[in-house]
Amino acid sequence: MKINVLESTPFAMKVRISGVTFNFANALRRSAMSSVPTMAIDTVTFYENTSAMFDEYIAHRLGLIPLTTPKGLTDGEEVLLSLAEEGPKTVYSKDLKSSDKDVKVANERIPVIKLAEGQVIRIDAKAVLGRGSKSSKFQPGLATYKANEQGDEFEIYIESFGQITAPEILSRALDTISTSVKEIGNELKA
């Protein structure tokens, strides 16, 4: 296998991989989108919501806001984010206050809700570590591939939503594939 980096920024990466099969390229694509763990808001507790929007609608919007995901987090780890705002104003993702300085909104300019005069929203949101295979809100980004005419060389493109960098998505996806292969090998030896 040979890998050449064609483009690399924090939010997008393109690599050319030769000496692999369609199956490997597709496994890498799927792993990048569904197996790389990221933080996302999973549950929201509403203490006050006098806006025109239903609690469920706001909770869904909050769940789709990308949160930074530092290395070293483990399954089951939780981070609390709080929001307390009064209108008139547009509430943005930057208004969410995190209990962990390393887990915060990845994009501060995402509109959450527009509050009219006197309308109030006061919530606590719990973010957890999850994978895209559970819900798309845990997807760290998008991944695609295309093959050359012979089918022996692939261009893999990864675009990050901001939780982790595109190169880190690729690295963690490869680690996930490697771990899965080792686990299968260990099961076969037992």
C-alpha atoms as a PDB file:
ATOM      1  CA  MET A   1       0.000   0.000   0.000  1.00  0.00           C
ATOM      2  CA  LYS A   2       1.215   3.477  -0.860  1.00  0.00           C
ATOM      3  CA  ILE A   3      -0.374   6.748   0.348  1.00  0.00           C
ATOM      4  CA  ASN A   4       0.208  10.219  -1.140  1.00  0.00           C
ATOM      5  CA  VAL A   5      -1.329  13.296   0.495  1.00  0.00           C
ATOM      6  CA  LEU A   6      -2.744  15.487  -2.288  1.00  0.00           C
ATOM      7  CA  GLU A   7      -4.386  18.174  -0.119  1.00  0.00           C
ATOM      8  CA  SER A   8      -4.489  18.710   3.619  1.00  0.00           C
ATOM      9  CA  THR A   9      -6.147  21.441   5.675  1.00  0.00           C
ATOM     10  CA  PRO A  10      -7.787  21.133   9.091  1.00  0.00           C
ATOM     11  CA  PHE A  11     -11.221  20.797   7.451  1.00  0.00           C
ATOM     12  CA  ALA A  12     -10.513  18.860   4.244  1.00  0.00           C
ATOM     13  CA  MET A  13      -8.070  16.217   3.112  1.00  0.00           C
ATOM     14  CA  LYS A  14      -7.505  14.325  -0.115  1.00  0.00           C
ATOM     15  CA  VAL A  15      -5.171  11.329  -0.329  1.00  0.00           C
ATOM     16  CA  ARG A  16      -4.299   8.875  -3.101  1.00  0.00           C
ATOM     17  CA  ILE A  17      -3.980   5.262  -1.987  1.00  0.00           C
ATOM     18  CA  SER A  18      -2.628   2.581  -4.287  1.00  0.00           C
ATOM     19  CA  GLY A  19      -2.313  -1.152  -3.763  1.00  0.00           C
ATOM     20  CA  VAL A  20      -5.696  -1.596  -2.061  1.00  0.00           C
ATOM     21  CA  THR A  21      -9.071  -2.973  -3.140  1.00  0.00           C
ATOM     22  CA  PHE A  22     -12.510  -1.407  -3.520  1.00  0.00           C
ATOM     23  CA  ASN A  23     -13.439  -3.192  -0.297  1.00  0.00           C
ATOM     24  CA  PHE A  24     -10.676  -1.446   1.642  1.00  0.00           C
ATOM     25  CA  ALA A  25     -11.519   1.994   0.176  1.00  0.00           C
ATOM     26  CA  ASN A  26     -15.182   1.513   1.065  1.00  0.00           C
ATOM     27  CA  ALA A  27     -14.311   0.239   4.567  1.00  0.00           C
ATOM     28  CA  LEU A  28     -12.189   3.347   5.125  1.00  0.00           C
ATOM     29  CA  ARG A  29     -15.001   5.616   3.920  1.00  0.00           C
ATOM     30  CA  ARG A  30     -17.566   3.895   6.137  1.00  0.00           C
ATOM     31  CA  SER A  31     -15.236   3.864   9.145  1.00  0.00           C
ATOM     32  CA  ALA A  32     -14.540   7.598   8.780  1.00  0.00           C
ATOM     33  CA  MET A  33     -18.246   8.414   8.894  1.00  0.00           C
ATOM     34  CA  SER A  34     -19.616   5.797  11.281  1.00  0.00           C
ATOM     35  CA  SER A  35     -16.880   4.531  13.613  1.00  0.00           C
ATOM     36  CA  VAL A  36     -14.875   7.607  14.646  1.00  0.00           C
ATOM     37  CA  PRO A  37     -16.210   8.736  18.053  1.00  0.00           C
ATOM     38  CA  THR A  38     -17.264  12.366  18.526  1.00  0.00           C
ATOM     39  CA  MET A  39     -19.162  14.393  21.117  1.00  0.00           C
ATOM     40  CA  ALA A  40     -22.737  15.518  20.457  1.00  0.00           C
ATOM     41  CA  ILE A  41     -25.642  16.749  22.544  1.00  0.00           C
ATOM     42  CA  ASP A  42     -27.769  13.724  23.368  1.00  0.00           C
ATOM     43  CA  THR A  43     -30.321  14.909  25.930  1.00  0.00           C
ATOM     44  CA  VAL A  44     -31.731  18.344  26.730  1.00  0.00           C
ATOM     45  CA  THR A  45     -33.530  19.412  29.904  1.00  0.00           C
ATOM     46  CA  PHE A  46     -35.798  22.437  29.488  1.00  0.00           C
ATOM     47  CA  TYR A  47     -36.346  24.608  32.552  1.00  0.00           C
ATOM     48  CA  GLU A  48     -38.045  27.403  30.648  1.00  0.00           C
ATOM     49  CA  ASN A  49     -39.054  27.866  27.015  1.00  0.00           C
ATOM     50  CA  THR A  50     -41.458  30.674  26.228  1.00  0.00           C
ATOM     51  CA  SER A  51     -40.412  30.819  22.560  1.00  0.00           C
ATOM     52  CA  ALA A  52     -42.684  29.894  19.679  1.00  0.00           C
ATOM     53  CA  MET A  53     -40.719  26.649  19.061  1.00  0.00           C
ATOM     54  CA  PHE A  54     -41.430  23.249  20.582  1.00  0.00           C
ATOM     55  CA  ASP A  55     -38.858  21.805  23.005  1.00  0.00           C
ATOM     56  CA  GLU A  56     -38.256  18.829  20.694  1.00  0.00           C
ATOM     57  CA  TYR A  57     -37.447  21.067  17.720  1.00  0.00           C
ATOM     58  CA  ILE A  58     -34.878  23.040  19.712  1.00  0.00           C
ATOM     59  CA  ALA A  59     -33.371  19.852  21.188  1.00  0.00           C
ATOM     60  CA  HIS A  60     -32.974  18.407  17.685  1.00  0.00           C
ATOM     61  CA  ARG A  61     -31.214  21.574  16.471  1.00  0.00           C
ATOM     62  CA  LEU A  62     -28.868  21.515  19.472  1.00  0.00           C
ATOM     63  CA  GLY A  63     -28.013  17.865  18.798  1.00  0.00           C
ATOM     64  CA  LEU A  64     -26.763  18.748  15.314  1.00  0.00           C
ATOM     65  CA  ILE A  65     -24.309  21.448  16.480  1.00  0.00           C
ATOM     66  CA  PRO A  66     -20.770  20.027  16.077  1.00  0.00           C
ATOM     67  CA  LEU A  67     -18.776  19.914  19.336  1.00  0.00           C
ATOM     68  CA  THR A  68     -14.981  19.740  19.521  1.00  0.00           C
ATOM     69  CA  THR A  69     -13.807  16.267  20.509  1.00  0.00           C
ATOM     70  CA  PRO A  70     -10.349  16.095  22.086  1.00  0.00           C
ATOM     71  CA  LYS A  71      -8.337  12.869  22.182  1.00  0.00           C
ATOM     72  CA  GLY A  72      -8.543  10.769  25.308  1.00  0.00           C
ATOM     73  CA  LEU A  73     -12.310  10.851  25.849  1.00  0.00           C
ATOM     74  CA  THR A  74     -13.842   7.497  26.702  1.00  0.00           C
ATOM     75  CA  ASP A  75     -17.270   5.991  26.112  1.00  0.00           C
ATOM     76  CA  GLY A  76     -19.750   7.113  28.730  1.00  0.00           C
ATOM     77  CA  GLU A  77     -18.029  10.454  29.348  1.00  0.00           C
ATOM     78  CA  GLU A  78     -20.481  13.356  29.646  1.00  0.00           C
ATOM     79  CA  VAL A  79     -20.159  17.127  29.358  1.00  0.00           C
ATOM     80  CA  LEU A  80     -22.846  19.594  30.413  1.00  0.00           C
ATOM     81  CA  LEU A  81     -23.675  22.633  28.285  1.00  0.00           C
ATOM     82  CA  SER A  82     -26.066  25.320  29.478  1.00  0.00           C
ATOM     83  CA  LEU A  83     -28.012  28.058  27.764  1.00  0.00           C
ATOM     84  CA  ALA A  84     -29.950  30.927  29.354  1.00  0.00           C
ATOM     85  CA  GLU A  85     -31.054  33.743  27.037  1.00  0.00           C
ATOM     86  CA  GLU A  86     -33.845  36.317  26.822  1.00  0.00           C
ATOM     87  CA  GLY A  87     -35.163  38.115  23.750  1.00  0.00           C
ATOM     88  CA  PRO A  88     -35.198  40.036  21.679  1.00  0.00           C
ATOM     89  CA  LYS A  89     -32.172  38.343  20.143  1.00  0.00           C
ATOM     90  CA  THR A  90     -30.995  35.543  17.926  1.00  0.00           C
ATOM     91  CA  VAL A  91     -29.465  32.767  20.012  1.00  0.00           C
ATOM     92  CA  TYR A  92     -26.335  31.302  18.413  1.00  0.00           C
ATOM     93  CA  SER A  93     -24.312  28.190  19.162  1.00  0.00           C
ATOM     94  CA  LYS A  94     -21.661  30.415  20.826  1.00  0.00           C
ATOM     95  CA  ASP A  95     -24.205  31.114  23.589  1.00  0.00           C
ATOM     96  CA  LEU A  96     -23.910  27.505  24.828  1.00  0.00           C
ATOM     97  CA  LYS A  97     -21.612  27.428  27.878  1.00  0.00           C
ATOM     98  CA  SER A  98     -19.641  24.198  28.383  1.00  0.00           C
ATOM     99  CA  SER A  99     -18.529  22.639  31.674  1.00  0.00           C
ATOM    100  CA  ASP A 100     -15.362  21.412  29.900  1.00  0.00           C
ATOM    101  CA  LYS A 101     -13.013  23.916  28.230  1.00  0.00           C
ATOM    102  CA  ASP A 102     -11.933  21.266  25.683  1.00  0.00           C
ATOM    103  CA  VAL A 103     -15.467  20.352  24.575  1.00  0.00           C
ATOM    104  CA  LYS A 104     -17.173  23.380  23.058  1.00  0.00           C
ATOM    105  CA  VAL A 105     -19.075  24.321  19.922  1.00  0.00           C
ATOM    106  CA  ALA A 106     -16.959  23.913  16.805  1.00  0.00           C
ATOM    107  CA  ASN A 107     -18.767  26.704  14.921  1.00  0.00           C
ATOM    108  CA  GLU A 108     -19.954  29.685  16.973  1.00  0.00           C
ATOM    109  CA  ARG A 109     -22.215  31.185  14.274  1.00  0.00           C
ATOM    110  CA  ILE A 110     -24.897  28.496  14.005  1.00  0.00           C
ATOM    111  CA  PRO A 111     -28.325  30.066  14.714  1.00  0.00           C
ATOM    112  CA  VAL A 112     -30.339  28.083  17.266  1.00  0.00           C
ATOM    113  CA  ILE A 113     -33.502  30.174  17.703  1.00  0.00           C
ATOM    114  CA  LYS A 114     -34.761  33.737  17.375  1.00  0.00           C
ATOM    115  CA  LEU A 115     -36.374  35.016  20.547  1.00  0.00           C
ATOM    116  CA  ALA A 116     -38.942  37.829  20.468  1.00  0.00           C
ATOM    117  CA  GLU A 117     -39.301  40.496  23.154  1.00  0.00           C
ATOM    118  CA  GLY A 118     -39.731  38.858  26.570  1.00  0.00           C
ATOM    119  CA  GLN A 119     -39.257  35.280  25.323  1.00  0.00           C
ATOM    120  CA  VAL A 120     -36.884  33.166  27.421  1.00  0.00           C
ATOM    121  CA  ILE A 121     -35.024  29.905  26.930  1.00  0.00           C
ATOM    122  CA  ARG A 122     -33.199  28.174  29.777  1.00  0.00           C
ATOM    123  CA  ILE A 123     -31.796  24.670  29.280  1.00  0.00           C
ATOM    124  CA  ASP A 124     -29.105  22.193  30.244  1.00  0.00           C
ATOM    125  CA  ALA A 125     -27.804  19.880  27.522  1.00  0.00           C
ATOM    126  CA  LYS A 126     -25.801  16.709  28.077  1.00  0.00           C
ATOM    127  CA  ALA A 127     -23.199  15.839  25.439  1.00  0.00           C
ATOM    128  CA  VAL A 128     -21.882  12.281  25.190  1.00  0.00           C
ATOM    129  CA  LEU A 129     -19.319  10.455  23.086  1.00  0.00           C
ATOM    130  CA  GLY A 130     -20.922   8.474  20.275  1.00  0.00           C
ATOM    131  CA  ARG A 131     -20.439   7.119  16.766  1.00  0.00           C
ATOM    132  CA  GLY A 132     -22.136   7.858  13.465  1.00  0.00           C
ATOM    133  CA  SER A 133     -23.411   4.268  13.361  1.00  0.00           C
ATOM    134  CA  LYS A 134     -25.723   5.224  16.267  1.00  0.00           C
ATOM    135  CA  SER A 135     -26.872   8.612  14.918  1.00  0.00           C
ATOM    136  CA  SER A 136     -25.773  11.030  12.208  1.00  0.00           C
ATOM    137  CA  LYS A 137     -25.290  13.721  14.870  1.00  0.00           C
ATOM    138  CA  PHE A 138     -22.117  11.847  15.886  1.00  0.00           C
ATOM    139  CA  GLN A 139     -20.647  11.843  12.342  1.00  0.00           C
ATOM    140  CA  PRO A 140     -17.357  13.768  12.289  1.00  0.00           C
ATOM    141  CA  GLY A 141     -17.650  14.578   8.588  1.00  0.00           C
ATOM    142  CA  LEU A 142     -18.131  13.222   5.103  1.00  0.00           C
ATOM    143  CA  ALA A 143     -15.912  10.799   3.229  1.00  0.00           C
ATOM    144  CA  THR A 144     -15.931   9.749  -0.421  1.00  0.00           C
ATOM    145  CA  TYR A 145     -13.668   7.839  -2.751  1.00  0.00           C
ATOM    146  CA  LYS A 146     -13.214   7.361  -6.465  1.00  0.00           C
ATOM    147  CA  ALA A 147     -11.157   4.771  -8.282  1.00  0.00           C
ATOM    148  CA  ASN A 148      -8.963   5.125 -11.335  1.00  0.00           C
ATOM    149  CA  GLU A 149      -9.906   3.170 -14.470  1.00  0.00           C
ATOM    150  CA  GLN A 150      -7.894   0.096 -13.427  1.00  0.00           C
ATOM    151  CA  GLY A 151      -9.469   0.068  -9.947  1.00  0.00           C
ATOM    152  CA  ASP A 152      -6.085  -0.226  -8.228  1.00  0.00           C
ATOM    153  CA  GLU A 153      -5.729   3.378  -7.054  1.00  0.00           C
ATOM    154  CA  PHE A 154      -8.214   5.450  -5.063  1.00  0.00           C
ATOM    155  CA  GLU A 155      -8.620   9.104  -4.174  1.00  0.00           C
ATOM    156  CA  ILE A 156     -10.135   9.425  -0.707  1.00  0.00           C
ATOM    157  CA  TYR A 157     -11.657  12.788   0.231  1.00  0.00           C
ATOM    158  CA  ILE A 158     -12.557  13.615   3.837  1.00  0.00           C
ATOM    159  CA  GLU A 159     -14.321  16.789   4.949  1.00  0.00           C
ATOM    160  CA  SER A 160     -14.630  17.569   8.662  1.00  0.00           C
ATOM    161  CA  PHE A 161     -17.673  19.157  10.303  1.00  0.00           C
ATOM    162  CA  GLY A 162     -15.283  20.696  12.852  1.00  0.00           C
ATOM    163  CA  GLN A 163     -15.326  18.268  15.793  1.00  0.00           C
ATOM    164  CA  ILE A 164     -11.864  16.967  14.851  1.00  0.00           C
ATOM    165  CA  THR A 165      -9.574  17.722  11.919  1.00  0.00           C
ATOM    166  CA  ALA A 166      -9.824  15.862   8.610  1.00  0.00           C
ATOM    167  CA  PRO A 167      -6.350  14.268   9.049  1.00  0.00           C
ATOM    168  CA  GLU A 168      -7.420  13.098  12.524  1.00  0.00           C
ATOM    169  CA  ILE A 169     -10.604  11.559  11.082  1.00  0.00           C
ATOM    170  CA  LEU A 170      -8.471   9.594   8.607  1.00  0.00           C
ATOM    171  CA  SER A 171      -6.060   8.501  11.337  1.00  0.00           C
ATOM    172  CA  ARG A 172      -8.829   7.418  13.738  1.00  0.00           C
ATOM    173  CA  ALA A 173     -10.684   5.600  10.914  1.00  0.00           C
ATOM    174  CA  LEU A 174      -7.530   3.623  10.072  1.00  0.00           C
ATOM    175  CA  ASP A 175      -7.025   2.841  13.796  1.00  0.00           C
ATOM    176  CA  THR A 176     -10.600   1.555  14.000  1.00  0.00           C
ATOM    177  CA  ILE A 177     -10.102  -0.739  10.997  1.00  0.00           C
ATOM    178  CA  SER A 178      -6.802  -2.014  12.433  1.00  0.00           C
ATOM    179  CA  THR A 179      -8.369  -2.714  15.840  1.00  0.00           C
ATOM    180  CA  SER A 180     -11.308  -4.545  14.246  1.00  0.00           C
ATOM    181  CA  VAL A 181      -8.987  -6.746  12.163  1.00  0.00           C
ATOM    182  CA  LYS A 182      -6.898  -7.587  15.253  1.00  0.00           C
ATOM    183  CA  GLU A 183     -10.022  -8.494  17.241  1.00  0.00           C
ATOM    184  CA  ILE A 184     -11.183 -10.830  14.462  1.00  0.00           C
ATOM    185  CA  GLY A 185      -7.716 -12.419  14.363  1.00  0.00           C
ATOM    186  CA  ASN A 186      -7.758 -12.944  18.130  1.00  0.00           C
ATOM    187  CA  GLU A 187     -11.213 -14.558  17.949  1.00  0.00           C
ATOM    188  CA  LEU A 188     -10.032 -16.941  15.252  1.00  0.00           C
ATOM    189  CA  LYS A 189      -7.032 -17.982  17.388  1.00  0.00           C
ATOM    190  CA  ALA A 190      -9.196 -18.709  20.428  1.00  0.00           C
END
